[in-house]
N, C-alpha and C. Protein backbone atom coordinates (compact mmCIF):
# COMPACT_ATOMS: atom_id res chain seq x y z
N MET A 1 -44.53 -37.87 -44.94
CA MET A 1 -45.20 -37.49 -46.16
C MET A 1 -44.39 -37.96 -47.35
N SER A 2 -45.07 -38.32 -48.41
CA SER A 2 -44.38 -38.89 -49.56
C SER A 2 -43.63 -37.84 -50.38
N ASN A 3 -44.17 -36.63 -50.49
CA ASN A 3 -43.51 -35.59 -51.26
C ASN A 3 -42.78 -34.64 -50.31
N GLU A 4 -41.47 -34.51 -50.47
CA GLU A 4 -40.66 -33.68 -49.59
C GLU A 4 -41.05 -32.20 -49.65
N ASN A 5 -41.68 -31.76 -50.77
CA ASN A 5 -42.09 -30.36 -50.91
C ASN A 5 -43.35 -30.04 -50.11
N ASN A 6 -44.08 -31.05 -49.66
CA ASN A 6 -45.30 -30.83 -48.88
C ASN A 6 -45.01 -31.09 -47.42
N LYS A 7 -44.56 -30.07 -46.71
CA LYS A 7 -44.23 -30.21 -45.30
C LYS A 7 -45.24 -29.44 -44.48
N LYS A 8 -45.64 -30.01 -43.38
CA LYS A 8 -46.55 -29.34 -42.46
C LYS A 8 -45.71 -28.76 -41.34
N ILE A 9 -45.97 -27.50 -41.02
CA ILE A 9 -45.27 -26.83 -39.94
C ILE A 9 -46.31 -26.41 -38.91
N ASP A 10 -46.12 -26.79 -37.68
CA ASP A 10 -47.02 -26.40 -36.60
C ASP A 10 -46.33 -25.37 -35.73
N PHE A 11 -47.03 -24.25 -35.48
CA PHE A 11 -46.58 -23.26 -34.51
C PHE A 11 -47.64 -23.25 -33.41
N ILE A 12 -47.32 -23.74 -32.25
CA ILE A 12 -48.27 -23.80 -31.15
C ILE A 12 -47.66 -23.07 -29.97
N ASP A 13 -48.42 -22.12 -29.39
CA ASP A 13 -47.91 -21.28 -28.30
C ASP A 13 -46.55 -20.71 -28.66
N ASP A 14 -46.48 -20.06 -29.82
CA ASP A 14 -45.22 -19.56 -30.36
C ASP A 14 -45.42 -18.11 -30.81
N VAL A 15 -44.37 -17.33 -30.80
CA VAL A 15 -44.41 -15.97 -31.30
C VAL A 15 -43.37 -15.86 -32.40
N ARG A 16 -43.84 -15.54 -33.62
CA ARG A 16 -42.93 -15.41 -34.76
C ARG A 16 -43.46 -14.39 -35.74
N GLU A 17 -42.57 -13.76 -36.45
CA GLU A 17 -42.94 -12.95 -37.60
C GLU A 17 -42.51 -13.73 -38.83
N LEU A 18 -43.47 -14.06 -39.67
CA LEU A 18 -43.17 -14.87 -40.84
C LEU A 18 -43.06 -13.99 -42.08
N SER A 19 -42.14 -14.31 -42.94
CA SER A 19 -42.05 -13.70 -44.25
C SER A 19 -42.26 -14.82 -45.25
N VAL A 20 -43.40 -14.79 -45.93
CA VAL A 20 -43.76 -15.88 -46.84
C VAL A 20 -43.88 -15.29 -48.23
N ARG A 21 -43.09 -15.80 -49.16
CA ARG A 21 -43.08 -15.27 -50.53
C ARG A 21 -43.06 -16.44 -51.52
N TYR A 22 -43.85 -16.31 -52.56
CA TYR A 22 -43.94 -17.33 -53.61
C TYR A 22 -44.26 -18.71 -53.01
N ALA A 23 -45.16 -18.74 -52.06
CA ALA A 23 -45.50 -20.00 -51.39
C ALA A 23 -46.96 -20.33 -51.63
N ASP A 24 -47.26 -21.60 -51.58
CA ASP A 24 -48.65 -22.06 -51.64
C ASP A 24 -49.01 -22.55 -50.25
N ILE A 25 -49.80 -21.74 -49.54
CA ILE A 25 -50.23 -22.14 -48.19
C ILE A 25 -51.73 -22.45 -48.19
N SER A 26 -52.24 -22.83 -49.37
CA SER A 26 -53.65 -23.17 -49.51
C SER A 26 -54.04 -24.22 -48.49
N GLY A 27 -55.23 -24.07 -47.92
CA GLY A 27 -55.73 -25.03 -46.95
C GLY A 27 -55.20 -24.82 -45.54
N SER A 28 -54.34 -23.83 -45.34
CA SER A 28 -53.81 -23.57 -44.00
C SER A 28 -54.93 -23.06 -43.10
N LYS A 29 -54.81 -23.30 -41.82
CA LYS A 29 -55.80 -22.84 -40.85
C LYS A 29 -55.11 -22.03 -39.77
N PHE A 30 -55.72 -20.91 -39.43
CA PHE A 30 -55.23 -20.06 -38.36
C PHE A 30 -56.36 -19.98 -37.34
N ILE A 31 -56.19 -20.57 -36.18
CA ILE A 31 -57.24 -20.65 -35.17
C ILE A 31 -56.74 -20.06 -33.86
N GLU A 32 -57.48 -19.09 -33.34
CA GLU A 32 -57.15 -18.42 -32.08
C GLU A 32 -55.73 -17.88 -32.08
N ASN A 33 -55.46 -16.99 -33.04
CA ASN A 33 -54.13 -16.39 -33.19
C ASN A 33 -54.22 -14.88 -33.15
N LEU A 34 -53.15 -14.26 -32.74
CA LEU A 34 -53.00 -12.81 -32.83
C LEU A 34 -52.33 -12.54 -34.17
N CYS A 35 -53.03 -11.87 -35.06
CA CYS A 35 -52.52 -11.64 -36.42
C CYS A 35 -52.60 -10.18 -36.81
N LYS A 36 -52.30 -9.28 -35.89
CA LYS A 36 -52.39 -7.85 -36.16
C LYS A 36 -51.40 -7.43 -37.23
N SER A 37 -51.80 -6.44 -38.00
CA SER A 37 -50.95 -5.78 -39.00
C SER A 37 -50.37 -6.74 -40.04
N LEU A 38 -51.15 -7.74 -40.43
CA LEU A 38 -50.70 -8.61 -41.53
C LEU A 38 -50.73 -7.82 -42.83
N TYR A 39 -49.90 -8.18 -43.76
CA TYR A 39 -49.83 -7.50 -45.05
C TYR A 39 -49.88 -8.56 -46.15
N PHE A 40 -50.88 -8.46 -47.02
CA PHE A 40 -51.01 -9.38 -48.15
C PHE A 40 -50.94 -8.55 -49.42
N GLU A 41 -50.11 -8.93 -50.37
CA GLU A 41 -50.02 -8.23 -51.64
C GLU A 41 -49.97 -9.25 -52.77
N ASN A 42 -50.81 -9.03 -53.78
CA ASN A 42 -50.87 -9.91 -54.94
C ASN A 42 -51.07 -11.37 -54.52
N VAL A 43 -52.14 -11.60 -53.77
CA VAL A 43 -52.44 -12.94 -53.28
C VAL A 43 -53.81 -13.38 -53.77
N ASP A 44 -54.00 -14.68 -53.86
CA ASP A 44 -55.29 -15.26 -54.20
C ASP A 44 -55.90 -15.78 -52.91
N LEU A 45 -56.89 -15.07 -52.39
CA LEU A 45 -57.57 -15.47 -51.16
C LEU A 45 -58.97 -16.00 -51.46
N SER A 46 -59.22 -16.42 -52.71
CA SER A 46 -60.55 -16.91 -53.06
C SER A 46 -60.91 -18.11 -52.18
N GLY A 47 -62.13 -18.12 -51.74
CA GLY A 47 -62.61 -19.20 -50.88
C GLY A 47 -62.21 -19.05 -49.42
N THR A 48 -61.54 -17.95 -49.08
CA THR A 48 -61.11 -17.73 -47.70
C THR A 48 -62.30 -17.42 -46.82
N LYS A 49 -62.32 -17.94 -45.62
CA LYS A 49 -63.35 -17.64 -44.64
C LYS A 49 -62.70 -17.01 -43.43
N ILE A 50 -63.27 -15.90 -43.00
CA ILE A 50 -62.81 -15.23 -41.78
C ILE A 50 -64.01 -15.24 -40.84
N ILE A 51 -63.88 -15.95 -39.73
CA ILE A 51 -65.00 -16.16 -38.82
C ILE A 51 -64.63 -15.68 -37.44
N ASP A 52 -65.53 -14.88 -36.84
CA ASP A 52 -65.35 -14.40 -35.48
C ASP A 52 -64.02 -13.68 -35.32
N ALA A 53 -63.82 -12.64 -36.13
CA ALA A 53 -62.53 -11.93 -36.16
C ALA A 53 -62.71 -10.44 -35.90
N ASN A 54 -61.74 -9.83 -35.30
CA ASN A 54 -61.69 -8.39 -35.15
C ASN A 54 -60.96 -7.84 -36.37
N LEU A 55 -61.70 -7.21 -37.27
CA LEU A 55 -61.11 -6.66 -38.48
C LEU A 55 -61.11 -5.13 -38.45
N SER A 56 -61.07 -4.56 -37.26
CA SER A 56 -61.04 -3.10 -37.13
C SER A 56 -59.88 -2.53 -37.93
N ASN A 57 -60.17 -1.47 -38.65
CA ASN A 57 -59.18 -0.77 -39.48
C ASN A 57 -58.63 -1.63 -40.61
N LEU A 58 -59.37 -2.67 -41.00
CA LEU A 58 -59.00 -3.48 -42.16
C LEU A 58 -59.05 -2.61 -43.41
N GLU A 59 -58.07 -2.72 -44.27
CA GLU A 59 -58.08 -2.00 -45.54
C GLU A 59 -57.91 -3.01 -46.66
N ILE A 60 -58.85 -2.97 -47.60
CA ILE A 60 -58.79 -3.84 -48.78
C ILE A 60 -58.74 -2.92 -49.98
N ASP A 61 -57.71 -3.01 -50.79
CA ASP A 61 -57.51 -2.11 -51.92
C ASP A 61 -57.20 -2.94 -53.16
N GLY A 62 -57.92 -2.67 -54.23
CA GLY A 62 -57.64 -3.35 -55.50
C GLY A 62 -58.02 -4.82 -55.48
N ALA A 63 -59.12 -5.16 -54.83
CA ALA A 63 -59.52 -6.55 -54.71
C ALA A 63 -60.75 -6.84 -55.56
N GLN A 64 -60.88 -8.06 -56.02
CA GLN A 64 -62.08 -8.52 -56.68
C GLN A 64 -62.84 -9.32 -55.63
N ILE A 65 -64.12 -8.94 -55.38
CA ILE A 65 -64.89 -9.64 -54.35
C ILE A 65 -66.20 -10.20 -54.89
N GLY A 66 -66.24 -10.46 -56.20
CA GLY A 66 -67.44 -11.02 -56.79
C GLY A 66 -67.83 -12.31 -56.06
N GLY A 67 -69.08 -12.40 -55.68
CA GLY A 67 -69.57 -13.57 -54.96
C GLY A 67 -69.29 -13.55 -53.48
N ALA A 68 -68.67 -12.46 -52.98
CA ALA A 68 -68.38 -12.37 -51.55
C ALA A 68 -69.68 -12.34 -50.76
N TYR A 69 -69.67 -12.90 -49.60
CA TYR A 69 -70.83 -12.93 -48.71
C TYR A 69 -70.37 -12.39 -47.37
N ILE A 70 -70.77 -11.16 -47.07
CA ILE A 70 -70.33 -10.50 -45.85
C ILE A 70 -71.55 -10.41 -44.94
N LYS A 71 -71.46 -11.00 -43.75
CA LYS A 71 -72.63 -11.05 -42.87
C LYS A 71 -72.22 -10.93 -41.42
N ASN A 72 -73.18 -10.57 -40.59
CA ASN A 72 -72.99 -10.45 -39.14
C ASN A 72 -71.81 -9.56 -38.79
N ILE A 73 -71.75 -8.39 -39.42
CA ILE A 73 -70.66 -7.44 -39.21
C ILE A 73 -71.10 -6.37 -38.22
N GLY A 74 -70.27 -6.03 -37.30
CA GLY A 74 -70.58 -5.00 -36.32
C GLY A 74 -69.99 -5.36 -34.97
N MET A 75 -70.59 -4.83 -33.95
CA MET A 75 -70.10 -5.08 -32.60
C MET A 75 -70.46 -6.51 -32.17
N PRO A 76 -69.66 -7.10 -31.29
CA PRO A 76 -69.98 -8.45 -30.82
C PRO A 76 -71.33 -8.46 -30.11
N PRO A 77 -72.14 -9.49 -30.35
CA PRO A 77 -73.45 -9.55 -29.70
C PRO A 77 -73.33 -9.91 -28.22
N GLU A 78 -74.36 -9.61 -27.48
CA GLU A 78 -74.39 -9.97 -26.06
C GLU A 78 -74.16 -11.47 -25.93
N GLY A 79 -73.33 -11.86 -24.97
CA GLY A 79 -72.98 -13.26 -24.79
C GLY A 79 -71.66 -13.64 -25.43
N HIS A 80 -71.18 -12.81 -26.36
CA HIS A 80 -69.88 -13.06 -27.01
C HIS A 80 -68.78 -12.67 -26.03
N PRO A 81 -67.66 -13.39 -26.00
CA PRO A 81 -66.58 -13.06 -25.06
C PRO A 81 -66.05 -11.63 -25.17
N LEU A 82 -66.13 -11.03 -26.34
CA LEU A 82 -65.63 -9.66 -26.53
C LEU A 82 -66.71 -8.60 -26.35
N TYR A 83 -67.93 -9.04 -25.99
CA TYR A 83 -69.03 -8.09 -25.77
C TYR A 83 -68.72 -7.23 -24.55
N ASP A 84 -68.76 -5.90 -24.73
CA ASP A 84 -68.52 -4.96 -23.65
C ASP A 84 -69.52 -3.82 -23.78
N PRO A 85 -70.62 -3.86 -23.03
CA PRO A 85 -71.66 -2.84 -23.17
C PRO A 85 -71.17 -1.43 -22.84
N ASN A 86 -70.06 -1.30 -22.15
CA ASN A 86 -69.52 0.01 -21.80
C ASN A 86 -68.62 0.58 -22.90
N ASN A 87 -68.32 -0.23 -23.90
CA ASN A 87 -67.43 0.21 -24.98
C ASN A 87 -68.03 -0.23 -26.32
N MET A 88 -69.20 0.30 -26.65
CA MET A 88 -69.92 -0.17 -27.83
C MET A 88 -69.97 0.89 -28.94
N LYS A 89 -68.83 1.41 -29.33
CA LYS A 89 -68.79 2.40 -30.40
C LYS A 89 -68.24 1.75 -31.66
N GLN A 90 -69.06 1.72 -32.69
CA GLN A 90 -68.65 1.15 -33.98
C GLN A 90 -67.99 2.25 -34.80
N GLU A 91 -66.77 2.05 -35.23
CA GLU A 91 -66.12 3.00 -36.13
C GLU A 91 -66.81 2.91 -37.49
N PRO A 92 -66.91 4.01 -38.23
CA PRO A 92 -67.60 3.97 -39.53
C PRO A 92 -66.84 3.12 -40.55
N VAL A 93 -67.60 2.48 -41.41
CA VAL A 93 -67.05 1.71 -42.52
C VAL A 93 -67.14 2.58 -43.76
N LYS A 94 -66.11 2.59 -44.58
CA LYS A 94 -66.08 3.44 -45.76
C LYS A 94 -65.91 2.59 -47.01
N PHE A 95 -66.71 2.87 -48.02
CA PHE A 95 -66.57 2.25 -49.34
C PHE A 95 -66.23 3.38 -50.30
N GLU A 96 -65.18 3.23 -51.09
CA GLU A 96 -64.77 4.26 -52.02
C GLU A 96 -64.34 3.62 -53.32
N ASN A 97 -64.85 4.16 -54.43
CA ASN A 97 -64.52 3.63 -55.76
C ASN A 97 -64.78 2.13 -55.88
N CYS A 98 -65.95 1.70 -55.41
CA CYS A 98 -66.31 0.28 -55.43
C CYS A 98 -67.41 0.04 -56.46
N ASP A 99 -67.31 -1.06 -57.17
CA ASP A 99 -68.37 -1.47 -58.07
C ASP A 99 -69.25 -2.46 -57.32
N LEU A 100 -70.38 -1.99 -56.85
CA LEU A 100 -71.30 -2.82 -56.08
C LEU A 100 -72.59 -3.08 -56.84
N ASN A 101 -72.55 -2.93 -58.20
CA ASN A 101 -73.78 -3.10 -58.96
C ASN A 101 -74.33 -4.51 -58.77
N ASN A 102 -75.64 -4.58 -58.74
CA ASN A 102 -76.40 -5.83 -58.53
C ASN A 102 -76.18 -6.44 -57.15
N SER A 103 -75.59 -5.70 -56.23
CA SER A 103 -75.41 -6.19 -54.86
C SER A 103 -76.70 -6.02 -54.08
N LYS A 104 -76.81 -6.69 -52.96
CA LYS A 104 -78.01 -6.59 -52.14
C LYS A 104 -77.60 -6.38 -50.69
N ILE A 105 -78.23 -5.39 -50.05
CA ILE A 105 -78.00 -5.10 -48.64
C ILE A 105 -79.31 -5.40 -47.93
N THR A 106 -79.29 -6.35 -47.00
CA THR A 106 -80.52 -6.79 -46.34
C THR A 106 -80.36 -6.76 -44.83
N ASN A 107 -81.36 -6.26 -44.15
CA ASN A 107 -81.43 -6.26 -42.69
C ASN A 107 -80.18 -5.66 -42.05
N CYS A 108 -79.76 -4.50 -42.56
CA CYS A 108 -78.56 -3.82 -42.06
C CYS A 108 -78.95 -2.49 -41.43
N ASN A 109 -78.20 -2.07 -40.43
CA ASN A 109 -78.40 -0.76 -39.83
C ASN A 109 -77.65 0.26 -40.68
N LEU A 110 -78.40 1.05 -41.42
CA LEU A 110 -77.80 2.07 -42.28
C LEU A 110 -78.08 3.48 -41.75
N SER A 111 -78.36 3.59 -40.46
CA SER A 111 -78.65 4.91 -39.90
C SER A 111 -77.44 5.81 -40.07
N ASN A 112 -77.72 7.02 -40.49
CA ASN A 112 -76.71 8.06 -40.71
C ASN A 112 -75.70 7.72 -41.81
N VAL A 113 -76.05 6.80 -42.71
CA VAL A 113 -75.19 6.49 -43.85
C VAL A 113 -75.31 7.62 -44.85
N GLU A 114 -74.20 7.99 -45.45
CA GLU A 114 -74.16 9.06 -46.45
C GLU A 114 -73.70 8.47 -47.77
N ILE A 115 -74.50 8.68 -48.82
CA ILE A 115 -74.14 8.24 -50.17
C ILE A 115 -73.90 9.50 -50.98
N ASP A 116 -72.71 9.64 -51.55
CA ASP A 116 -72.34 10.88 -52.22
C ASP A 116 -71.66 10.57 -53.55
N ALA A 117 -72.05 11.29 -54.59
CA ALA A 117 -71.43 11.20 -55.92
C ALA A 117 -71.39 9.77 -56.44
N CYS A 118 -72.50 9.06 -56.31
CA CYS A 118 -72.58 7.66 -56.74
C CYS A 118 -73.62 7.51 -57.85
N ASP A 119 -73.39 6.57 -58.77
CA ASP A 119 -74.38 6.22 -59.78
C ASP A 119 -75.42 5.35 -59.10
N MET A 120 -76.65 5.85 -58.98
CA MET A 120 -77.70 5.13 -58.28
C MET A 120 -78.80 4.66 -59.22
N THR A 121 -78.45 4.51 -60.51
CA THR A 121 -79.41 4.03 -61.49
C THR A 121 -79.93 2.66 -61.07
N GLY A 122 -81.24 2.55 -60.93
CA GLY A 122 -81.85 1.28 -60.56
C GLY A 122 -81.80 0.95 -59.08
N LEU A 123 -81.21 1.82 -58.27
CA LEU A 123 -81.14 1.58 -56.83
C LEU A 123 -82.53 1.63 -56.22
N LYS A 124 -82.88 0.60 -55.46
CA LYS A 124 -84.19 0.55 -54.80
C LYS A 124 -83.98 0.48 -53.29
N ILE A 125 -84.85 1.18 -52.58
CA ILE A 125 -84.90 1.08 -51.12
C ILE A 125 -86.30 0.58 -50.78
N ASN A 126 -86.36 -0.57 -50.15
CA ASN A 126 -87.64 -1.19 -49.82
C ASN A 126 -88.57 -1.25 -51.03
N GLY A 127 -88.00 -1.58 -52.19
CA GLY A 127 -88.79 -1.74 -53.41
C GLY A 127 -89.09 -0.46 -54.17
N ILE A 128 -88.65 0.68 -53.67
CA ILE A 128 -88.94 1.97 -54.31
C ILE A 128 -87.65 2.49 -54.94
N TYR A 129 -87.73 2.84 -56.22
CA TYR A 129 -86.55 3.36 -56.92
C TYR A 129 -86.14 4.70 -56.33
N ILE A 130 -84.88 4.84 -56.01
CA ILE A 130 -84.37 6.08 -55.42
C ILE A 130 -84.50 7.25 -56.41
N GLU A 131 -84.39 6.97 -57.71
CA GLU A 131 -84.56 8.03 -58.72
C GLU A 131 -85.97 8.64 -58.62
N ASP A 132 -86.99 7.79 -58.40
CA ASP A 132 -88.36 8.28 -58.25
C ASP A 132 -88.50 9.10 -56.97
N LEU A 133 -87.89 8.63 -55.89
CA LEU A 133 -87.94 9.37 -54.63
C LEU A 133 -87.28 10.74 -54.76
N LEU A 134 -86.12 10.78 -55.41
CA LEU A 134 -85.41 12.05 -55.59
C LEU A 134 -86.19 13.00 -56.49
N ALA A 135 -86.81 12.45 -57.54
CA ALA A 135 -87.62 13.30 -58.43
C ALA A 135 -88.80 13.89 -57.66
N LEU A 136 -89.47 13.07 -56.87
CA LEU A 136 -90.59 13.54 -56.06
C LEU A 136 -90.12 14.59 -55.06
N TYR A 137 -89.00 14.35 -54.44
CA TYR A 137 -88.44 15.31 -53.49
C TYR A 137 -88.14 16.63 -54.17
N ASN A 138 -87.46 16.56 -55.32
CA ASN A 138 -87.10 17.79 -56.03
C ASN A 138 -88.32 18.54 -56.51
N THR A 139 -89.38 17.82 -56.92
CA THR A 139 -90.63 18.46 -57.34
C THR A 139 -91.29 19.18 -56.17
N SER A 140 -91.36 18.49 -55.02
CA SER A 140 -92.02 19.10 -53.86
C SER A 140 -91.18 20.25 -53.29
N LYS A 141 -89.88 20.18 -53.46
CA LYS A 141 -88.99 21.24 -52.96
C LYS A 141 -89.16 22.52 -53.78
N ASP A 142 -89.44 22.34 -55.08
CA ASP A 142 -89.58 23.49 -55.98
C ASP A 142 -90.93 24.18 -55.82
N THR A 143 -91.90 23.53 -55.20
CA THR A 143 -93.23 24.14 -55.06
C THR A 143 -93.44 24.78 -53.72
């Protein structure tokens, strides 16, 4: 390579704990790796793609996710190498103190989802404003 500061390092069939600080690892690829308990702080992960990953117990705190596209989340589908019909319990996902205004949730299993102490102004479910549904419910409950 022409620039000594641009070095490529390959770790193949290797076990290491890396400490990376003040580094630019943009464009790096991690394929078929065990990456449990990684810790990222004050990093720019814009444009990052995570595909076919086990993100159980993932915690994201203080992040900006504008434009994020989260899809195909849940248990591995039948035919996937990690599919195990005998162990199909999805742990609950929690959103707390999140600004999700103007977001869209489509074709998702929301059974037993609980929404509590949230601003639901303009929230629609299947095209029906939740404020109208709650008003109708409260009216019928009072009669």
